[in-house]
Amino acid sequence: MSQAVPVRANDAQSASQLVEKACMTMDNFMSDSKMGAFRDLLKQAKAVVIAPQFLEGAFMVGASGGSAVAMVRDDKDGQWSAPAFYRIGGASFGLQIGGKSSELVLLAMTERGKNALLGNSVKLGVDAGLAAGPIGMGAEAATANLSADIVSFSRSRGLYGGIALDGAVIATRDSLNEAYYNKKVSPTDIFVRREVTNPQTACLIRNLPGSAQDEVATAVGGY
């Protein structure tokens, strides 16, 4: 028990910092002039996964590509859930050695893509179809041809492009979920039952379609 409290405190701090970084990532994507297609698809998205620091390059077996938060939109009222915490990676898809760090956002566009997040893990390209989102001027028109369950977008110090995600696994970080909400919770508890909230997540919700902040921004000619 003597070690449980420090570990829980560290997990709570890690979760809080991840949410803060995810907020900054969403701000970056929403203000980026080349992310028009991202903003268009976000309006239709059923879920969003945000990885503020996704590492790619030469990989170490067993390590992870990056931590992420995910939120799901309710089909009935259009409101977004509190975030659940995940790790994106896999047995041969891990920690970068000498590669680059990118901001990564995945948009679940179908029920299959959204429901895949309710389990403990989802394998991209297997449990849910994956496609890279279009970037740049005129990219919005290309969104009409996208039919994948999940669409990915990435930024890296002003550089844009796809990250090789086929076969990557998105797995829950149960310890961070428990520490952040001060109770054991599953993705279903967070996404479907809506059993938990945390006021810190307001910075995430403000950029998502259907939020009160989004409605105000739309009324004054914002996103």
Protein backbone atom coordinates (compact mmCIF):
# COMPACT_ATOMS: atom_id res chain seq x y z
CA MET A 1 0.00 0.00 0.00
CA SER A 2 2.91 2.37 0.67
CA GLN A 3 3.75 2.47 -3.04
CA ALA A 4 0.15 2.64 -4.26
CA VAL A 5 -0.40 6.31 -3.42
CA PRO A 6 2.76 7.63 -5.16
CA VAL A 7 2.01 5.53 -8.25
CA ARG A 8 -1.59 6.76 -8.34
CA ALA A 9 -0.39 10.36 -7.94
CA ASN A 10 2.08 9.94 -10.80
CA ASP A 11 -0.64 8.47 -13.01
CA ALA A 12 -2.98 11.35 -12.18
CA GLN A 13 -0.28 13.86 -13.07
CA SER A 14 0.51 12.03 -16.31
CA ALA A 15 -3.18 11.97 -17.25
CA SER A 16 -3.62 15.66 -16.50
CA GLN A 17 -0.54 16.60 -18.53
CA LEU A 18 -1.74 14.47 -21.43
CA VAL A 19 -5.09 16.29 -21.46
CA GLU A 20 -3.31 19.66 -21.45
CA LYS A 21 -1.13 18.63 -24.39
CA ALA A 22 -4.15 17.22 -26.23
CA CYS A 23 -5.88 20.58 -25.83
CA MET A 24 -2.89 22.31 -27.44
CA THR A 25 -2.87 19.77 -30.26
CA MET A 26 -6.53 20.43 -31.02
CA ASP A 27 -5.90 24.18 -30.95
CA ASN A 28 -3.07 23.67 -33.46
CA PHE A 29 -5.21 21.57 -35.80
CA MET A 30 -8.18 23.92 -35.62
CA SER A 31 -6.07 27.00 -36.43
CA ASP A 32 -3.93 25.41 -39.17
CA SER A 33 -4.86 26.76 -42.60
CA LYS A 34 -3.96 23.44 -44.25
CA MET A 35 -6.30 21.44 -42.02
CA GLY A 36 -9.56 22.44 -43.70
CA ALA A 37 -10.37 18.82 -44.53
CA PHE A 38 -9.75 17.86 -40.92
CA ARG A 39 -12.19 20.50 -39.69
CA ASP A 40 -14.81 19.40 -42.23
CA LEU A 41 -14.55 15.74 -41.23
CA LEU A 42 -14.53 16.61 -37.53
CA LYS A 43 -18.08 17.95 -37.93
CA GLN A 44 -19.20 14.44 -38.96
CA ALA A 45 -16.91 12.42 -36.70
CA LYS A 46 -18.38 9.99 -34.19
CA ALA A 47 -15.20 9.82 -32.09
CA VAL A 48 -11.80 11.48 -31.93
CA VAL A 49 -8.43 10.16 -30.72
CA ILE A 50 -5.70 12.73 -29.97
CA ALA A 51 -2.02 11.81 -29.55
CA PRO A 52 -0.05 15.00 -28.81
CA GLN A 53 3.36 13.35 -29.20
CA PHE A 54 3.46 10.39 -31.53
CA LEU A 55 6.94 9.01 -32.08
CA GLU A 56 7.97 7.36 -35.31
CA GLY A 57 11.24 6.33 -36.89
CA ALA A 58 13.38 3.40 -35.80
CA PHE A 59 11.36 1.40 -33.31
CA MET A 60 12.15 -0.66 -30.26
CA VAL A 61 10.12 -3.85 -29.86
CA GLY A 62 7.63 -3.65 -27.01
CA ALA A 63 7.61 0.13 -26.59
CA SER A 64 4.79 2.46 -27.59
CA GLY A 65 4.25 5.06 -30.28
CA GLY A 66 2.45 7.51 -28.03
CA SER A 67 -0.23 8.12 -25.43
CA ALA A 68 -3.62 9.49 -26.44
CA VAL A 69 -7.02 10.58 -25.24
CA ALA A 70 -10.26 9.63 -26.99
CA MET A 71 -13.77 11.05 -26.84
CA VAL A 72 -17.02 9.78 -28.33
CA ARG A 73 -20.03 11.77 -29.53
CA ASP A 74 -23.51 10.72 -28.42
CA ASP A 75 -25.69 9.86 -31.42
CA LYS A 76 -28.81 11.29 -29.80
CA ASP A 77 -27.81 14.65 -28.34
CA GLY A 78 -24.52 15.23 -30.17
CA GLN A 79 -22.64 15.89 -26.94
CA TRP A 80 -19.12 14.62 -26.37
CA SER A 81 -18.03 12.29 -23.60
CA ALA A 82 -15.23 12.83 -21.15
CA PRO A 83 -11.90 11.43 -22.42
CA ALA A 84 -10.56 7.94 -21.95
CA PHE A 85 -6.82 7.30 -22.01
CA TYR A 86 -5.05 5.07 -24.51
CA ARG A 87 -1.67 4.02 -25.79
CA ILE A 88 -1.01 3.70 -29.52
CA GLY A 89 1.64 1.18 -30.49
CA GLY A 90 2.30 -2.52 -30.72
CA ALA A 91 4.83 -5.29 -30.38
CA SER A 92 6.84 -4.06 -33.35
CA PHE A 93 5.55 -0.52 -33.40
CA GLY A 94 7.22 1.32 -30.61
CA LEU A 95 9.46 3.97 -29.21
CA GLN A 96 11.29 6.16 -31.66
CA ILE A 97 15.08 6.09 -31.85
CA GLY A 98 16.29 9.02 -33.88
CA GLY A 99 12.99 9.50 -35.69
CA LYS A 100 10.51 12.35 -35.50
CA SER A 101 7.70 13.40 -33.21
CA SER A 102 4.29 14.30 -34.64
CA GLU A 103 0.90 15.42 -33.42
CA LEU A 104 -1.65 12.82 -34.46
CA VAL A 105 -5.45 12.94 -34.53
CA LEU A 106 -7.68 10.05 -35.59
CA LEU A 107 -11.32 10.63 -36.52
CA ALA A 108 -13.75 7.71 -36.27
CA MET A 109 -16.25 8.29 -39.08
CA THR A 110 -18.39 5.14 -38.78
CA GLU A 111 -20.19 3.19 -36.07
CA ARG A 112 -17.64 0.41 -36.55
CA GLY A 113 -14.79 2.80 -35.90
CA LYS A 114 -16.47 4.28 -32.85
CA ASN A 115 -17.50 0.94 -31.38
CA ALA A 116 -13.98 -0.43 -31.78
CA LEU A 117 -12.87 2.03 -29.10
CA LEU A 118 -15.27 0.49 -26.58
CA GLY A 119 -13.08 -2.59 -26.24
CA ASN A 120 -9.76 -2.83 -24.45
CA SER A 121 -7.86 -2.63 -27.73
CA VAL A 122 -8.36 -2.09 -31.44
CA LYS A 123 -5.99 -3.02 -34.25
CA LEU A 124 -5.98 -0.41 -36.97
CA GLY A 125 -6.53 -1.79 -40.44
CA VAL A 126 -8.02 -4.98 -38.99
CA ASP A 127 -10.71 -4.14 -36.43
CA ALA A 128 -11.35 -0.82 -38.17
CA GLY A 129 -10.47 0.37 -41.67
CA LEU A 130 -7.92 3.19 -41.83
CA ALA A 131 -7.10 5.96 -44.31
CA ALA A 132 -4.85 9.03 -44.25
CA GLY A 133 -6.74 12.30 -44.42
CA PRO A 134 -6.12 14.81 -47.23
CA ILE A 135 -3.98 17.86 -46.45
CA GLY A 136 -3.60 21.27 -48.05
CA MET A 137 -5.50 23.60 -50.32
CA GLY A 138 -8.54 22.01 -51.95
CA ALA A 139 -8.29 18.94 -49.76
CA GLU A 140 -11.82 19.46 -48.49
CA ALA A 141 -13.20 18.17 -51.81
CA ALA A 142 -11.35 14.88 -51.35
CA THR A 143 -13.21 14.08 -48.14
CA ALA A 144 -16.28 13.04 -50.14
CA ASN A 145 -14.40 9.99 -51.40
CA LEU A 146 -13.27 8.78 -47.98
CA SER A 147 -15.09 5.69 -46.74
CA ALA A 148 -12.70 4.41 -44.05
CA ASP A 149 -13.82 3.75 -40.49
CA ILE A 150 -10.98 5.90 -39.15
CA VAL A 151 -9.19 8.80 -40.86
CA SER A 152 -5.79 9.98 -39.62
CA PHE A 153 -4.20 13.43 -39.69
CA SER A 154 -0.72 14.39 -38.50
CA ARG A 155 1.49 17.47 -38.10
CA SER A 156 5.22 17.63 -37.41
CA ARG A 157 6.83 21.06 -37.04
CA GLY A 158 4.99 22.40 -40.03
CA LEU A 159 5.39 19.20 -42.05
CA TYR A 160 2.35 17.20 -43.09
CA GLY A 161 1.79 13.69 -44.28
CA GLY A 162 0.76 10.20 -43.36
CA ILE A 163 2.10 8.05 -40.56
CA ALA A 164 2.25 4.30 -41.14
CA LEU A 165 -0.45 3.13 -38.74
CA ASP A 166 -1.69 -0.09 -40.33
CA GLY A 167 -1.35 -2.83 -37.72
CA ALA A 168 -0.87 -0.40 -34.84
CA VAL A 169 -2.88 -1.15 -31.71
CA ILE A 170 -4.85 1.36 -29.66
CA ALA A 171 -5.07 -0.03 -26.12
CA THR A 172 -6.62 1.39 -22.97
CA ARG A 173 -4.45 2.81 -20.21
CA ASP A 174 -6.55 1.64 -17.29
CA SER A 175 -4.24 3.10 -14.64
CA LEU A 176 -4.57 6.60 -16.09
CA ASN A 177 -8.35 6.27 -16.42
CA GLU A 178 -8.60 5.23 -12.78
CA ALA A 179 -6.26 7.94 -11.53
CA TYR A 180 -7.90 10.73 -13.54
CA TYR A 181 -11.44 9.89 -12.41
CA ASN A 182 -10.53 8.52 -8.97
CA LYS A 183 -12.35 5.25 -9.65
CA LYS A 184 -12.02 2.19 -11.85
CA VAL A 185 -13.77 2.87 -15.14
CA SER A 186 -13.94 1.16 -18.52
CA PRO A 187 -14.31 2.87 -21.91
CA THR A 188 -18.00 1.89 -21.82
CA ASP A 189 -18.38 3.61 -18.43
CA ILE A 190 -16.84 6.77 -19.88
CA PHE A 191 -18.25 6.80 -23.42
CA VAL A 192 -21.68 5.18 -23.07
CA ARG A 193 -22.79 5.38 -19.46
CA ARG A 194 -21.16 8.81 -18.99
CA GLU A 195 -20.39 7.97 -15.38
CA VAL A 196 -17.48 10.39 -14.96
CA THR A 197 -16.50 13.97 -15.71
CA ASN A 198 -13.51 16.20 -15.04
CA PRO A 199 -13.62 20.00 -15.38
CA GLN A 200 -10.15 20.06 -16.94
CA THR A 201 -11.54 18.55 -20.15
CA ALA A 202 -13.40 21.77 -21.03
CA CYS A 203 -10.40 22.81 -23.13
CA LEU A 204 -10.90 19.70 -25.28
CA ILE A 205 -14.65 20.03 -25.63
CA ARG A 206 -14.50 23.65 -26.80
CA ASN A 207 -13.05 22.64 -30.18
CA LEU A 208 -15.53 19.85 -30.86
CA PRO A 209 -18.70 20.30 -32.95
CA GLY A 210 -21.84 20.52 -30.83
CA SER A 211 -20.21 22.09 -27.79
CA ALA A 212 -21.55 25.35 -26.40
CA GLN A 213 -18.28 27.05 -27.34
CA ASP A 214 -18.52 25.70 -30.89
CA GLU A 215 -22.04 27.06 -31.29
CA VAL A 216 -20.87 30.51 -30.21
CA ALA A 217 -17.90 30.36 -32.60
CA THR A 218 -20.17 29.35 -35.47
CA ALA A 219 -22.56 32.22 -34.71
CA VAL A 220 -19.75 34.78 -34.99
CA GLY A 221 -18.19 33.22 -38.08
CA GLY A 222 -15.66 30.94 -36.41
CA TYR A 223 -14.82 27.32 -37.32
